[in-house]
Protein backbone atom coordinates (compact mmCIF):
# COMPACT_ATOMS: atom_id res chain seq x y z
CA UNK A 1 147.03 260.08 212.04
CA UNK A 2 146.11 260.38 215.72
CA UNK A 3 144.17 257.61 217.46
CA UNK A 4 142.54 257.80 220.86
CA UNK A 5 142.86 254.45 222.57
CA UNK A 6 141.99 253.10 225.98
CA UNK A 7 139.83 250.81 228.06
CA UNK A 8 137.65 250.53 231.15
CA UNK A 9 137.48 247.10 232.79
CA UNK A 10 135.33 246.61 235.88
CA UNK A 11 135.46 243.59 238.18
CA UNK A 12 133.68 242.40 241.29
CA UNK A 13 135.85 240.68 243.90
CA UNK A 14 134.66 238.81 246.99
CA UNK A 15 138.00 239.32 248.74
CA UNK A 16 141.30 241.16 248.16
CA UNK A 17 142.85 239.50 245.10
CA UNK A 18 146.32 239.82 243.53
CA UNK A 19 146.42 240.65 239.82
CA UNK A 20 148.98 240.90 237.03
CA UNK A 21 147.86 243.06 234.11
CA UNK A 22 149.42 243.54 230.66
CA UNK A 23 147.58 246.56 229.36
CA UNK A 24 150.30 249.07 228.46
CA UNK A 25 151.28 249.74 224.86
CA UNK A 26 154.34 247.69 223.85
CA UNK A 27 157.74 249.37 224.24
CA UNK A 28 158.15 249.34 220.43
CA UNK A 29 155.28 251.88 220.17
CA UNK A 30 155.75 253.89 223.37
CA UNK A 31 157.52 256.74 221.55
CA UNK A 32 154.35 257.31 219.49
CA UNK A 33 152.20 257.97 222.57
CA UNK A 34 151.38 261.63 223.16
CA UNK A 35 151.05 260.98 226.90
CA UNK A 36 151.84 257.95 229.06
CA UNK A 37 149.16 255.26 229.06
CA UNK A 38 149.31 254.72 232.81
CA UNK A 39 146.99 252.10 234.30
CA UNK A 40 144.59 253.88 236.65
CA UNK A 41 142.52 252.09 239.26
CA UNK A 42 139.34 252.88 241.17
CA UNK A 43 139.68 252.68 244.09
CA UNK A 44 143.34 253.65 244.04
CA UNK A 45 145.80 250.88 244.90
CA UNK A 46 149.62 250.68 244.71
CA UNK A 47 150.96 249.35 241.40
CA UNK A 48 154.39 247.82 240.79
CA UNK A 49 155.73 247.49 237.27
CA UNK A 50 158.20 245.02 235.79
CA UNK A 51 159.24 243.52 232.46
CA UNK A 52 158.59 239.85 231.77
CA UNK A 53 160.97 237.54 229.92
CA UNK A 54 159.59 238.74 226.55
CA UNK A 55 160.09 242.43 227.34
CA UNK A 56 156.39 243.17 227.89
CA UNK A 57 155.51 245.74 230.57
CA UNK A 58 153.49 244.15 233.38
CA UNK A 59 151.78 245.68 236.42
CA UNK A 60 151.23 243.99 239.79
CA UNK A 61 148.51 245.05 242.18
CA UNK A 62 146.06 243.74 244.76
CA UNK A 63 142.43 244.47 243.94
CA UNK A 64 140.26 245.17 247.00
CA UNK A 65 137.00 243.39 247.71
CA UNK A 66 133.99 244.88 245.90
CA UNK A 67 133.84 246.70 242.59
CA UNK A 68 137.22 247.53 241.09
CA UNK A 69 138.08 249.15 237.75
CA UNK A 70 141.15 249.48 235.54
CA UNK A 71 141.20 252.35 233.05
CA UNK A 72 143.49 254.17 230.65
CA UNK A 73 142.93 256.81 227.97
CA UNK A 74 145.66 258.09 225.70
CA UNK A 75 146.47 259.23 222.16
CA UNK A 76 148.93 257.51 219.84
CA UNK A 77 150.34 258.69 216.53
CA UNK A 78 150.13 256.24 213.63
CA UNK A 79 151.31 256.38 210.03
CA UNK A 80 147.79 255.64 208.84
CA UNK A 81 148.98 252.82 206.58
CA UNK A 82 147.75 249.22 206.56
CA UNK A 83 149.98 246.46 207.91
CA UNK A 84 152.96 246.15 205.53
CA UNK A 85 153.18 243.41 202.92
CA UNK A 86 156.51 241.80 202.02
CA UNK A 87 155.49 239.14 199.55
CA UNK A 88 159.11 238.32 198.68
CA UNK A 89 160.09 237.63 202.32
CA UNK A 90 161.74 234.23 202.31
CA UNK A 91 161.71 231.37 204.77
CA UNK A 92 164.94 230.63 206.64
CA UNK A 93 166.47 227.22 207.07
CA UNK A 94 166.21 226.25 210.72
CA UNK A 95 170.00 226.05 211.08
CA UNK A 96 170.29 229.66 209.86
CA UNK A 97 167.75 231.18 212.24
CA UNK A 98 168.97 233.57 214.97
CA UNK A 99 169.14 231.87 218.35
CA UNK A 100 166.61 234.25 219.92
CA UNK A 101 163.80 233.20 217.57
CA UNK A 102 164.20 229.44 218.01
CA UNK A 103 161.84 229.51 221.00
CA UNK A 104 159.04 230.40 218.61
CA UNK A 105 159.47 227.15 216.69
CA UNK A 106 158.59 225.07 219.73
CA UNK A 107 155.25 223.77 220.96
CA UNK A 108 153.61 225.63 223.85
CA UNK A 109 150.59 225.48 226.16
CA UNK A 110 148.00 226.30 223.49
CA UNK A 111 149.95 225.36 220.34
CA UNK A 112 150.52 221.59 220.22
CA UNK A 113 152.94 221.27 217.32
CA UNK A 114 153.59 217.59 218.03
CA UNK A 115 149.91 216.73 217.47
CA UNK A 116 149.41 218.99 214.43
CA UNK A 117 152.68 218.39 212.56
CA UNK A 118 151.49 215.66 210.19
CA UNK A 119 148.28 217.52 209.39
CA UNK A 120 150.18 220.75 208.77
CA UNK A 121 152.49 219.09 206.27
CA UNK A 122 149.51 217.42 204.58
CA UNK A 123 147.74 220.74 204.21
CA UNK A 124 150.63 223.07 203.41
CA UNK A 125 153.56 220.91 202.35
CA UNK A 126 153.12 221.77 198.66
CA UNK A 127 152.73 225.53 199.17
CA UNK A 128 155.68 227.82 198.28
CA UNK A 129 157.85 228.43 201.36
CA UNK A 130 157.94 231.91 202.82
CA UNK A 131 155.27 234.60 202.69
CA UNK A 132 152.95 232.61 200.40
CA UNK A 133 152.97 229.64 202.79
CA UNK A 134 152.06 231.81 205.79
CA UNK A 135 149.28 233.45 203.79
CA UNK A 136 147.98 230.02 202.79
CA UNK A 137 147.89 229.08 206.49
CA UNK A 138 145.99 232.28 207.33
CA UNK A 139 143.52 231.70 204.47
CA UNK A 140 142.85 228.18 205.69
CA UNK A 141 142.44 229.13 209.37
CA UNK A 142 140.26 232.12 208.49
CA UNK A 143 137.87 229.89 206.53
CA UNK A 144 138.08 226.88 208.84
CA UNK A 145 137.00 228.56 212.10
CA UNK A 146 133.60 230.16 212.67
CA UNK A 147 133.93 233.32 214.76
CA UNK A 148 131.56 233.99 217.64
CA UNK A 149 131.95 235.45 221.12
CA UNK A 150 129.57 232.76 222.33
CA UNK A 151 132.24 230.24 221.34
CA UNK A 152 134.88 231.75 223.64
CA UNK A 153 136.55 229.30 226.01
CA UNK A 154 139.79 230.10 227.86
CA UNK A 155 141.03 226.51 227.78
CA UNK A 156 140.63 225.87 224.03
CA UNK A 157 143.90 224.86 222.35
CA UNK A 158 144.93 224.92 218.70
CA UNK A 159 144.12 221.21 218.33
CA UNK A 160 140.66 221.75 219.82
CA UNK A 161 140.03 224.82 217.64
CA UNK A 162 140.95 222.76 214.58
CA UNK A 163 138.57 219.98 215.61
CA UNK A 164 135.68 222.19 216.78
CA UNK A 165 135.98 224.75 213.94
CA UNK A 166 134.80 227.65 216.07
CA UNK A 167 136.28 230.23 218.41
CA UNK A 168 137.43 233.81 218.85
CA UNK A 169 140.50 235.70 217.68
CA UNK A 170 142.87 233.96 220.10
CA UNK A 171 141.81 230.58 218.67
CA UNK A 172 142.54 231.73 215.11
CA UNK A 173 145.94 232.98 216.26
CA UNK A 174 146.79 229.81 218.17
CA UNK A 175 145.95 227.54 215.25
CA UNK A 176 147.87 229.66 212.73
CA UNK A 177 150.86 229.93 215.08
CA UNK A 178 150.90 226.17 215.58
CA UNK A 179 150.69 225.44 211.84
CA UNK A 180 153.53 227.90 211.12
CA UNK A 181 155.76 226.31 213.74
CA UNK A 182 154.98 222.87 212.32
CA UNK A 183 156.24 224.18 208.96
CA UNK A 184 159.48 225.43 210.59
CA UNK A 185 158.42 229.09 210.49
CA UNK A 186 158.95 230.93 213.81
CA UNK A 187 155.65 232.44 214.98
CA UNK A 188 154.68 234.36 218.10
CA UNK A 189 151.31 235.27 219.57
CA UNK A 190 150.41 238.96 219.86
CA UNK A 191 147.69 240.88 221.65
CA UNK A 192 146.68 244.52 221.43
CA UNK A 193 144.30 247.01 219.85
CA UNK A 194 142.88 246.74 216.31
CA UNK A 195 140.88 249.71 215.07
CA UNK A 196 138.03 249.75 212.53
CA UNK A 197 139.66 252.68 210.73
CA UNK A 198 139.30 252.23 206.98
CA UNK A 199 136.71 249.45 207.22
CA UNK A 200 133.07 249.92 206.17
CA UNK A 201 130.40 250.21 208.89
CA UNK A 202 128.65 248.89 210.82
CA UNK A 203 131.44 248.34 213.32
CA UNK A 204 131.24 245.97 216.25
CA UNK A 205 131.85 247.07 219.82
CA UNK A 206 135.48 247.76 220.69
CA UNK A 207 137.63 244.91 221.93
CA UNK A 208 141.20 243.80 222.35
CA UNK A 209 142.41 241.36 219.70
CA UNK A 210 144.95 238.63 218.99
CA UNK A 211 147.08 238.10 215.90
CA UNK A 212 150.53 236.68 215.15
CA UNK A 213 153.96 237.71 213.92
CA UNK A 214 156.14 235.39 211.84
CA UNK A 215 159.88 235.55 211.19
CA UNK A 216 160.64 235.73 207.46
CA UNK A 217 163.40 237.46 205.53
CA UNK A 218 165.30 238.49 208.64
CA UNK A 219 162.48 240.26 210.47
CA UNK A 220 159.06 239.82 212.08
CA UNK A 221 155.88 240.40 210.04
CA UNK A 222 152.24 240.81 211.11
CA UNK A 223 149.59 238.33 209.99
CA UNK A 224 145.99 238.35 211.19
CA UNK A 225 144.20 235.04 210.58
CA UNK A 226 141.00 236.22 212.27
CA UNK A 227 140.43 239.20 209.96
CA UNK A 228 142.75 237.97 207.19
CA UNK A 229 143.25 241.54 206.07
CA UNK A 230 145.80 244.32 206.43
CA UNK A 231 144.43 246.75 209.02
CA UNK A 232 145.10 250.40 209.88
CA UNK A 233 145.79 251.40 213.48
CA UNK A 234 147.03 248.09 214.90
CA UNK A 235 148.72 248.77 218.26
CA UNK A 236 150.71 246.01 219.95
CA UNK A 237 150.47 245.47 223.71
CA UNK A 238 152.32 242.21 224.30
CA UNK A 239 153.82 239.19 222.54
CA UNK A 240 154.79 235.71 223.68
CA UNK A 241 154.57 232.02 222.83
CA UNK A 242 150.77 231.96 223.19
CA UNK A 243 147.98 233.41 225.34
CA UNK A 244 149.35 231.77 228.47
CA UNK A 245 152.32 234.15 228.32
CA UNK A 246 150.36 237.36 227.72
CA UNK A 247 146.92 237.37 229.39
CA UNK A 248 145.66 240.95 229.49
CA UNK A 249 144.63 240.36 233.10
CA UNK A 250 145.58 237.47 235.35
CA UNK A 251 143.68 237.23 238.63
CA UNK A 252 144.77 234.98 241.48
CA UNK A 253 141.29 234.36 242.86
CA UNK A 254 137.61 234.27 241.84
CA UNK A 255 136.06 237.36 240.26
CA UNK A 256 133.32 238.53 237.93
CA UNK A 257 133.91 240.86 234.99
CA UNK A 258 130.99 243.29 235.23
CA UNK A 259 132.02 245.95 232.71
CA UNK A 260 134.18 245.99 229.57
CA UNK A 261 134.86 248.88 227.16
CA UNK A 262 137.72 249.32 224.69
CA UNK A 263 138.14 252.15 222.19
CA UNK A 264 140.42 252.93 219.24
CA UNK A 265 138.99 256.01 217.56
CA UNK A 266 140.59 258.18 214.88
CA UNK A 267 140.80 261.83 215.92
CA UNK A 268 139.62 264.02 213.03
CA UNK A 269 142.10 266.54 211.69
């Protein structure tokens, strides 16, 4: 399967403003791109690239005053299969976990494990450890939070999402990540593209999305508490402890987002 994917983000700046953007496909999927997904700007500005501490590809630039856009348009090859299921994937004892995943057991900016620990054990302490426990967490979060773009708030944490019972995909991911960590399951926050391929219409406007990966049975597995379904054409951009580590765009000054388009379209044939 071939999928056309890309974006066009337009901002209005009152003054030249530094930015860091995480908009390139993750290195684990770069080989599937048919052409590089370079970030293009209008007007043209110099871009410097670097890798952050999680291995994500980041771009630094200074946006000029006035209207400024970031765009990319590429094609990626995909196996056309839904996210894999590994129902027999077991949960590791903490003392047996690899050292490099221990970070994803700890609380973070948006995932307050210390506050949610008792509630997590009350809700999920009797569920079978491993895959079934993570799925139980996703089922709960999916049903507990009401989705709505009007509920979006960049400062909402997992604790607040649990209390308010509303939010967007990042809130679902933060709450599920926090619950998993409370249950001693390493979990990391992911952001990227999710297509509507294989889902019945009508389809909503394109957008970036957030989900999580959990470490079970010696490897990382995708779970999506917002959709709570295995999806076709999921393309990772970045992963970290939570949204504070992987904002798609980080601007160091005031701005207004005036245009936003994202596409993930299957190419026939």
